[in-house]
Amino acid sequence: MARGKIRFTLGEKMRIVKQAYTVPGNTKPTAREYQIQPVQIRTWKKALGSLPQEVLARFVDRKPNIQILLPGVYDHLVEHID
């Protein structure tokens, strides 16, 4: 049942966690829908809870901003590309 090495973006993880915890007892059905283990959703919930709110706010219905996620790397990449 596992999907292998499928990677979810932070925004996708946030939507999956929200879907799983909107209704009590919805974690297992949500996990089945995305073909992942329920423990993965619980792990994401815990990890998302430890992220600063300004980082999470950038991912609500938006594409990720690489400057926030990787500030030092972003500057280096821009310098390298120029």
PDB file of N, CA and C in Angstrom:
ATOM      1  N   MET A   1       0.804  -1.192   0.000  1.00  0.00           N
ATOM      2  CA  MET A   1       0.000   0.000   0.000  1.00  0.00           C
ATOM      3  C   MET A   1       0.856   1.269   0.000  1.00  0.00           C
ATOM      4  N   ALA A   2       2.093   1.168   0.378  1.00  0.00           N
ATOM      5  CA  ALA A   2       2.966   2.333   0.411  1.00  0.00           C
ATOM      6  C   ALA A   2       3.259   2.819  -1.000  1.00  0.00           C
ATOM      7  N   ARG A   3       3.395   4.124  -1.129  1.00  0.00           N
ATOM      8  CA  ARG A   3       3.627   4.716  -2.446  1.00  0.00           C
ATOM      9  C   ARG A   3       5.103   4.802  -2.775  1.00  0.00           C
ATOM     10  N   GLY A   4       5.948   4.294  -1.960  1.00  0.00           N
ATOM     11  CA  GLY A   4       7.373   4.393  -2.229  1.00  0.00           C
ATOM     12  C   GLY A   4       7.907   5.721  -1.743  1.00  0.00           C
ATOM     13  N   LYS A   5       8.793   6.311  -2.516  1.00  0.00           N
ATOM     14  CA  LYS A   5       9.438   7.559  -2.127  1.00  0.00           C
ATOM     15  C   LYS A   5       8.693   8.776  -2.691  1.00  0.00           C
ATOM     16  N   ILE A   6       7.399   8.854  -2.503  1.00  0.00           N
ATOM     17  CA  ILE A   6       6.634  10.015  -2.929  1.00  0.00           C
ATOM     18  C   ILE A   6       6.887  11.124  -1.926  1.00  0.00           C
ATOM     19  N   ARG A   7       7.161  12.296  -2.427  1.00  0.00           N
ATOM     20  CA  ARG A   7       7.441  13.432  -1.559  1.00  0.00           C
ATOM     21  C   ARG A   7       6.287  14.421  -1.640  1.00  0.00           C
ATOM     22  N   PHE A   8       5.904  14.922  -0.485  1.00  0.00           N
ATOM     23  CA  PHE A   8       4.850  15.920  -0.411  1.00  0.00           C
ATOM     24  C   PHE A   8       5.472  17.267  -0.071  1.00  0.00           C
ATOM     25  N   THR A   9       4.964  18.332  -0.663  1.00  0.00           N
ATOM     26  CA  THR A   9       5.441  19.665  -0.325  1.00  0.00           C
ATOM     27  C   THR A   9       4.886  20.037   1.051  1.00  0.00           C
ATOM     28  N   LEU A  10       5.425  21.096   1.619  1.00  0.00           N
ATOM     29  CA  LEU A  10       4.946  21.544   2.919  1.00  0.00           C
ATOM     30  C   LEU A  10       3.474  21.923   2.848  1.00  0.00           C
ATOM     31  N   GLY A  11       3.083  22.573   1.775  1.00  0.00           N
ATOM     32  CA  GLY A  11       1.681  22.938   1.604  1.00  0.00           C
ATOM     33  C   GLY A  11       0.770  21.719   1.526  1.00  0.00           C
ATOM     34  N   GLU A  12       1.209  20.684   0.822  1.00  0.00           N
ATOM     35  CA  GLU A  12       0.419  19.447   0.729  1.00  0.00           C
ATOM     36  C   GLU A  12       0.305  18.784   2.096  1.00  0.00           C
ATOM     37  N   LYS A  13       1.411  18.768   2.836  1.00  0.00           N
ATOM     38  CA  LYS A  13       1.383  18.180   4.180  1.00  0.00           C
ATOM     39  C   LYS A  13       0.412  18.929   5.065  1.00  0.00           C
ATOM     40  N   MET A  14       0.414  20.251   4.969  1.00  0.00           N
ATOM     41  CA  MET A  14      -0.504  21.053   5.777  1.00  0.00           C
ATOM     42  C   MET A  14      -1.953  20.730   5.440  1.00  0.00           C
ATOM     43  N   ARG A  15      -2.251  20.600   4.145  1.00  0.00           N
ATOM     44  CA  ARG A  15      -3.623  20.281   3.735  1.00  0.00           C
ATOM     45  C   ARG A  15      -4.041  18.881   4.198  1.00  0.00           C
ATOM     46  N   ILE A  16      -3.117  17.918   4.122  1.00  0.00           N
ATOM     47  CA  ILE A  16      -3.421  16.555   4.550  1.00  0.00           C
ATOM     48  C   ILE A  16      -3.677  16.517   6.054  1.00  0.00           C
ATOM     49  N   VAL A  17      -2.832  17.189   6.829  1.00  0.00           N
ATOM     50  CA  VAL A  17      -3.012  17.223   8.284  1.00  0.00           C
ATOM     51  C   VAL A  17      -4.335  17.897   8.623  1.00  0.00           C
ATOM     52  N   LYS A  18      -4.631  19.004   7.959  1.00  0.00           N
ATOM     53  CA  LYS A  18      -5.894  19.710   8.219  1.00  0.00           C
ATOM     54  C   LYS A  18      -7.086  18.811   7.905  1.00  0.00           C
ATOM     55  N   GLN A  19      -7.015  18.110   6.773  1.00  0.00           N
ATOM     56  CA  GLN A  19      -8.099  17.202   6.386  1.00  0.00           C
ATOM     57  C   GLN A  19      -8.262  16.081   7.409  1.00  0.00           C
ATOM     58  N   ALA A  20      -7.144  15.561   7.903  1.00  0.00           N
ATOM     59  CA  ALA A  20      -7.188  14.440   8.846  1.00  0.00           C
ATOM     60  C   ALA A  20      -7.763  14.847  10.194  1.00  0.00           C
ATOM     61  N   TYR A  21      -7.529  16.084  10.617  1.00  0.00           N
ATOM     62  CA  TYR A  21      -7.944  16.498  11.955  1.00  0.00           C
ATOM     63  C   TYR A  21      -9.157  17.411  11.962  1.00  0.00           C
ATOM     64  N   THR A  22      -9.772  17.654  10.804  1.00  0.00           N
ATOM     65  CA  THR A  22     -10.988  18.461  10.759  1.00  0.00           C
ATOM     66  C   THR A  22     -12.143  17.716  11.423  1.00  0.00           C
ATOM     67  N   VAL A  23     -12.205  16.430  11.182  1.00  0.00           N
ATOM     68  CA  VAL A  23     -13.254  15.580  11.751  1.00  0.00           C
ATOM     69  C   VAL A  23     -12.593  14.536  12.643  1.00  0.00           C
ATOM     70  N   PRO A  24     -13.070  14.354  13.891  1.00  0.00           N
ATOM     71  CA  PRO A  24     -12.485  13.323  14.744  1.00  0.00           C
ATOM     72  C   PRO A  24     -12.559  11.939  14.089  1.00  0.00           C
ATOM     73  N   GLY A  25     -11.490  11.185  14.203  1.00  0.00           N
ATOM     74  CA  GLY A  25     -11.455   9.831  13.651  1.00  0.00           C
ATOM     75  C   GLY A  25     -11.206   9.785  12.150  1.00  0.00           C
ATOM     76  N   ASN A  26     -10.741  10.870  11.572  1.00  0.00           N
ATOM     77  CA  ASN A  26     -10.546  10.922  10.124  1.00  0.00           C
ATOM     78  C   ASN A  26      -9.100  10.654   9.705  1.00  0.00           C
ATOM     79  N   THR A  27      -8.219  10.355  10.656  1.00  0.00           N
ATOM     80  CA  THR A  27      -6.807  10.164  10.320  1.00  0.00           C
ATOM     81  C   THR A  27      -6.597   8.940   9.433  1.00  0.00           C
ATOM     82  N   LYS A  28      -7.178   7.812   9.799  1.00  0.00           N
ATOM     83  CA  LYS A  28      -6.986   6.599   8.994  1.00  0.00           C
ATOM     84  C   LYS A  28      -7.585   6.711   7.598  1.00  0.00           C
ATOM     85  N   PRO A  29      -8.828   7.212   7.462  1.00  0.00           N
ATOM     86  CA  PRO A  29      -9.357   7.366   6.101  1.00  0.00           C
ATOM     87  C   PRO A  29      -8.528   8.327   5.244  1.00  0.00           C
ATOM     88  N   THR A  30      -8.024   9.399   5.852  1.00  0.00           N
ATOM     89  CA  THR A  30      -7.185  10.341   5.107  1.00  0.00           C
ATOM     90  C   THR A  30      -5.890   9.669   4.685  1.00  0.00           C
ATOM     91  N   ALA A  31      -5.290   8.904   5.580  1.00  0.00           N
ATOM     92  CA  ALA A  31      -4.052   8.187   5.258  1.00  0.00           C
ATOM     93  C   ALA A  31      -4.283   7.220   4.101  1.00  0.00           C
ATOM     94  N   ARG A  32      -5.399   6.515   4.118  1.00  0.00           N
ATOM     95  CA  ARG A  32      -5.712   5.597   3.021  1.00  0.00           C
ATOM     96  C   ARG A  32      -5.862   6.349   1.698  1.00  0.00           C
ATOM     97  N   GLU A  33      -6.502   7.503   1.757  1.00  0.00           N
ATOM     98  CA  GLU A  33      -6.724   8.302   0.546  1.00  0.00           C
ATOM     99  C   GLU A  33      -5.397   8.704  -0.110  1.00  0.00           C
ATOM    100  N   TYR A  34      -4.401   9.049   0.706  1.00  0.00           N
ATOM    101  CA  TYR A  34      -3.113   9.479   0.173  1.00  0.00           C
ATOM    102  C   TYR A  34      -2.081   8.356   0.148  1.00  0.00           C
ATOM    103  N   GLN A  35      -2.514   7.154   0.495  1.00  0.00           N
ATOM    104  CA  GLN A  35      -1.667   5.962   0.492  1.00  0.00           C
ATOM    105  C   GLN A  35      -0.407   6.135   1.344  1.00  0.00           C
ATOM    106  N   ILE A  36      -0.620   6.632   2.564  1.00  0.00           N
ATOM    107  CA  ILE A  36       0.455   6.770   3.534  1.00  0.00           C
ATOM    108  C   ILE A  36      -0.016   6.159   4.845  1.00  0.00           C
ATOM    109  N   GLN A  37       0.875   6.017   5.794  1.00  0.00           N
ATOM    110  CA  GLN A  37       0.527   5.469   7.095  1.00  0.00           C
ATOM    111  C   GLN A  37      -0.027   6.579   7.998  1.00  0.00           C
ATOM    112  N   PRO A  38      -0.998   6.267   8.858  1.00  0.00           N
ATOM    113  CA  PRO A  38      -1.529   7.275   9.781  1.00  0.00           C
ATOM    114  C   PRO A  38      -0.452   7.909  10.667  1.00  0.00           C
ATOM    115  N   VAL A  39       0.565   7.124  11.015  1.00  0.00           N
ATOM    116  CA  VAL A  39       1.637   7.668  11.846  1.00  0.00           C
ATOM    117  C   VAL A  39       2.358   8.809  11.128  1.00  0.00           C
ATOM    118  N   GLN A  40       2.397   8.771   9.803  1.00  0.00           N
ATOM    119  CA  GLN A  40       3.039   9.845   9.048  1.00  0.00           C
ATOM    120  C   GLN A  40       2.283  11.154   9.225  1.00  0.00           C
ATOM    121  N   ILE A  41       0.971  11.088   9.230  1.00  0.00           N
ATOM    122  CA  ILE A  41       0.155  12.290   9.428  1.00  0.00           C
ATOM    123  C   ILE A  41       0.385  12.846  10.827  1.00  0.00           C
ATOM    124  N   ARG A  42       0.452  11.967  11.822  1.00  0.00           N
ATOM    125  CA  ARG A  42       0.711  12.428  13.196  1.00  0.00           C
ATOM    126  C   ARG A  42       2.099  13.054  13.311  1.00  0.00           C
ATOM    127  N   THR A  43       3.072  12.480  12.622  1.00  0.00           N
ATOM    128  CA  THR A  43       4.433  13.032  12.634  1.00  0.00           C
ATOM    129  C   THR A  43       4.445  14.416  11.985  1.00  0.00           C
ATOM    130  N   TRP A  44       3.756  14.563  10.861  1.00  0.00           N
ATOM    131  CA  TRP A  44       3.691  15.868  10.197  1.00  0.00           C
ATOM    132  C   TRP A  44       3.016  16.889  11.096  1.00  0.00           C
ATOM    133  N   LYS A  45       1.939  16.486  11.784  1.00  0.00           N
ATOM    134  CA  LYS A  45       1.225  17.408  12.665  1.00  0.00           C
ATOM    135  C   LYS A  45       2.169  17.927  13.751  1.00  0.00           C
ATOM    136  N   LYS A  46       2.931  17.029  14.321  1.00  0.00           N
ATOM    137  CA  LYS A  46       3.874  17.417  15.374  1.00  0.00           C
ATOM    138  C   LYS A  46       4.946  18.352  14.813  1.00  0.00           C
ATOM    139  N   ALA A  47       5.478  18.029  13.645  1.00  0.00           N
ATOM    140  CA  ALA A  47       6.525  18.847  13.034  1.00  0.00           C
ATOM    141  C   ALA A  47       5.990  20.223  12.629  1.00  0.00           C
ATOM    142  N   LEU A  48       4.796  20.261  12.073  1.00  0.00           N
ATOM    143  CA  LEU A  48       4.201  21.529  11.670  1.00  0.00           C
ATOM    144  C   LEU A  48       3.925  22.415  12.873  1.00  0.00           C
ATOM    145  N   GLY A  49       3.606  21.801  13.999  1.00  0.00           N
ATOM    146  CA  GLY A  49       3.354  22.564  15.211  1.00  0.00           C
ATOM    147  C   GLY A  49       4.585  23.266  15.741  1.00  0.00           C
ATOM    148  N   SER A  50       5.765  22.773  15.380  1.00  0.00           N
ATOM    149  CA  SER A  50       6.997  23.376  15.870  1.00  0.00           C
ATOM    150  C   SER A  50       7.543  24.458  14.939  1.00  0.00           C
ATOM    151  N   LEU A  51       6.931  24.623  13.753  1.00  0.00           N
ATOM    152  CA  LEU A  51       7.393  25.654  12.817  1.00  0.00           C
ATOM    153  C   LEU A  51       6.839  27.016  13.219  1.00  0.00           C
ATOM    154  N   PRO A  52       7.606  28.081  13.010  1.00  0.00           N
ATOM    155  CA  PRO A  52       7.109  29.438  13.299  1.00  0.00           C
ATOM    156  C   PRO A  52       5.890  29.761  12.437  1.00  0.00           C
ATOM    157  N   GLN A  53       4.975  30.536  12.981  1.00  0.00           N
ATOM    158  CA  GLN A  53       3.738  30.871  12.271  1.00  0.00           C
ATOM    159  C   GLN A  53       3.998  31.631  10.973  1.00  0.00           C
ATOM    160  N   GLU A  54       5.043  32.473  10.938  1.00  0.00           N
ATOM    161  CA  GLU A  54       5.308  33.226   9.707  1.00  0.00           C
ATOM    162  C   GLU A  54       5.733  32.310   8.563  1.00  0.00           C
ATOM    163  N   VAL A  55       6.378  31.206   8.882  1.00  0.00           N
ATOM    164  CA  VAL A  55       6.741  30.229   7.845  1.00  0.00           C
ATOM    165  C   VAL A  55       5.490  29.505   7.367  1.00  0.00           C
ATOM    166  N   LEU A  56       4.659  29.071   8.303  1.00  0.00           N
ATOM    167  CA  LEU A  56       3.429  28.371   7.926  1.00  0.00           C
ATOM    168  C   LEU A  56       2.511  29.263   7.108  1.00  0.00           C
ATOM    169  N   ALA A  57       2.450  30.543   7.445  1.00  0.00           N
ATOM    170  CA  ALA A  57       1.567  31.469   6.729  1.00  0.00           C
ATOM    171  C   ALA A  57       1.954  31.584   5.261  1.00  0.00           C
ATOM    172  N   ARG A  58       3.213  31.402   4.949  1.00  0.00           N
ATOM    173  CA  ARG A  58       3.663  31.502   3.561  1.00  0.00           C
ATOM    174  C   ARG A  58       3.175  30.339   2.699  1.00  0.00           C
ATOM    175  N   PHE A  59       2.742  29.249   3.332  1.00  0.00           N
ATOM    176  CA  PHE A  59       2.364  28.048   2.586  1.00  0.00           C
ATOM    177  C   PHE A  59       0.870  27.837   2.493  1.00  0.00           C
ATOM    178  N   VAL A  60       0.103  28.706   3.055  1.00  0.00           N
ATOM    179  CA  VAL A  60      -1.341  28.559   2.980  1.00  0.00           C
ATOM    180  C   VAL A  60      -1.791  29.011   1.598  1.00  0.00           C
ATOM    181  N   ASP A  61      -2.184  28.061   0.769  1.00  0.00           N
ATOM    182  CA  ASP A  61      -2.654  28.305  -0.601  1.00  0.00           C
ATOM    183  C   ASP A  61      -1.651  29.083  -1.447  1.00  0.00           C
ATOM    184  N   ARG A  62      -0.365  28.880  -1.201  1.00  0.00           N
ATOM    185  CA  ARG A  62       0.659  29.536  -1.991  1.00  0.00           C
ATOM    186  C   ARG A  62       1.799  28.564  -2.246  1.00  0.00           C
ATOM    187  N   LYS A  63       2.624  28.914  -3.202  1.00  0.00           N
ATOM    188  CA  LYS A  63       3.825  28.125  -3.456  1.00  0.00           C
ATOM    189  C   LYS A  63       4.888  28.529  -2.439  1.00  0.00           C
ATOM    190  N   PRO A  64       5.807  27.634  -2.114  1.00  0.00           N
ATOM    191  CA  PRO A  64       6.814  27.952  -1.108  1.00  0.00           C
ATOM    192  C   PRO A  64       7.748  29.078  -1.560  1.00  0.00           C
ATOM    193  N   ASN A  65       8.186  29.848  -0.576  1.00  0.00           N
ATOM    194  CA  ASN A  65       9.131  30.932  -0.819  1.00  0.00           C
ATOM    195  C   ASN A  65      10.503  30.447  -0.381  1.00  0.00           C
ATOM    196  N   ILE A  66      11.391  30.216  -1.330  1.00  0.00           N
ATOM    197  CA  ILE A  66      12.698  29.639  -1.023  1.00  0.00           C
ATOM    198  C   ILE A  66      13.534  30.565  -0.142  1.00  0.00           C
ATOM    199  N   GLN A  67      13.279  31.869  -0.194  1.00  0.00           N
ATOM    200  CA  GLN A  67      14.043  32.801   0.633  1.00  0.00           C
ATOM    201  C   GLN A  67      13.808  32.540   2.113  1.00  0.00           C
ATOM    202  N   ILE A  68      12.609  32.155   2.475  1.00  0.00           N
ATOM    203  CA  ILE A  68      12.305  31.907   3.886  1.00  0.00           C
ATOM    204  C   ILE A  68      12.869  30.570   4.321  1.00  0.00           C
ATOM    205  N   LEU A  69      12.740  29.570   3.481  1.00  0.00           N
ATOM    206  CA  LEU A  69      13.193  28.238   3.864  1.00  0.00           C
ATOM    207  C   LEU A  69      14.709  28.121   3.902  1.00  0.00           C
ATOM    208  N   LEU A  70      15.368  28.737   2.953  1.00  0.00           N
ATOM    209  CA  LEU A  70      16.816  28.603   2.834  1.00  0.00           C
ATOM    210  C   LEU A  70      17.465  29.972   2.642  1.00  0.00           C
ATOM    211  N   PRO A  71      17.437  30.855   3.661  1.00  0.00           N
ATOM    212  CA  PRO A  71      17.921  32.215   3.450  1.00  0.00           C
ATOM    213  C   PRO A  71      19.376  32.298   3.003  1.00  0.00           C
ATOM    214  N   GLY A  72      20.288  31.588   3.615  1.00  0.00           N
ATOM    215  CA  GLY A  72      21.693  31.646   3.227  1.00  0.00           C
ATOM    216  C   GLY A  72      21.935  31.040   1.858  1.00  0.00           C
ATOM    217  N   VAL A  73      21.257  29.954   1.569  1.00  0.00           N
ATOM    218  CA  VAL A  73      21.415  29.269   0.290  1.00  0.00           C
ATOM    219  C   VAL A  73      20.863  30.132  -0.842  1.00  0.00           C
ATOM    220  N   TYR A  74      19.754  30.796  -0.596  1.00  0.00           N
ATOM    221  CA  TYR A  74      19.136  31.637  -1.623  1.00  0.00           C
ATOM    222  C   TYR A  74      20.108  32.733  -2.073  1.00  0.00           C
ATOM    223  N   ASP A  75      20.709  33.439  -1.117  1.00  0.00           N
ATOM    224  CA  ASP A  75      21.654  34.503  -1.454  1.00  0.00           C
ATOM    225  C   ASP A  75      22.820  33.959  -2.274  1.00  0.00           C
ATOM    226  N   HIS A  76      23.320  32.791  -1.883  1.00  0.00           N
ATOM    227  CA  HIS A  76      24.422  32.167  -2.606  1.00  0.00           C
ATOM    228  C   HIS A  76      24.004  31.807  -4.038  1.00  0.00           C
ATOM    229  N   LEU A  77      22.814  31.281  -4.205  1.00  0.00           N
ATOM    230  CA  LEU A  77      22.328  30.907  -5.539  1.00  0.00           C
ATOM    231  C   LEU A  77      22.174  32.126  -6.431  1.00  0.00           C
ATOM    232  N   VAL A  78      21.610  33.197  -5.883  1.00  0.00           N
ATOM    233  CA  VAL A  78      21.433  34.415  -6.672  1.00  0.00           C
ATOM    234  C   VAL A  78      22.778  34.963  -7.108  1.00  0.00           C
ATOM    235  N   GLU A  79      23.733  34.959  -6.189  1.00  0.00           N
ATOM    236  CA  GLU A  79      25.078  35.425  -6.495  1.00  0.00           C
ATOM    237  C   GLU A  79      25.706  34.552  -7.588  1.00  0.00           C
ATOM    238  N   HIS A  80      25.520  33.242  -7.476  1.00  0.00           N
ATOM    239  CA  HIS A  80      26.097  32.300  -8.434  1.00  0.00           C
ATOM    240  C   HIS A  80      25.461  32.458  -9.825  1.00  0.00           C
ATOM    241  N   ILE A  81      24.153  32.646  -9.862  1.00  0.00           N
ATOM    242  CA  ILE A  81      23.442  32.759 -11.130  1.00  0.00           C
ATOM    243  C   ILE A  81      23.797  34.060 -11.840  1.00  0.00           C
ATOM    244  N   ASP A  82      23.908  35.126 -11.070  1.00  0.00           N
ATOM    245  CA  ASP A  82      24.272  36.435 -11.665  1.00  0.00           C
ATOM    246  C   ASP A  82      25.670  36.350 -12.216  1.00  0.00           C
TER     247      ASP A  82
END
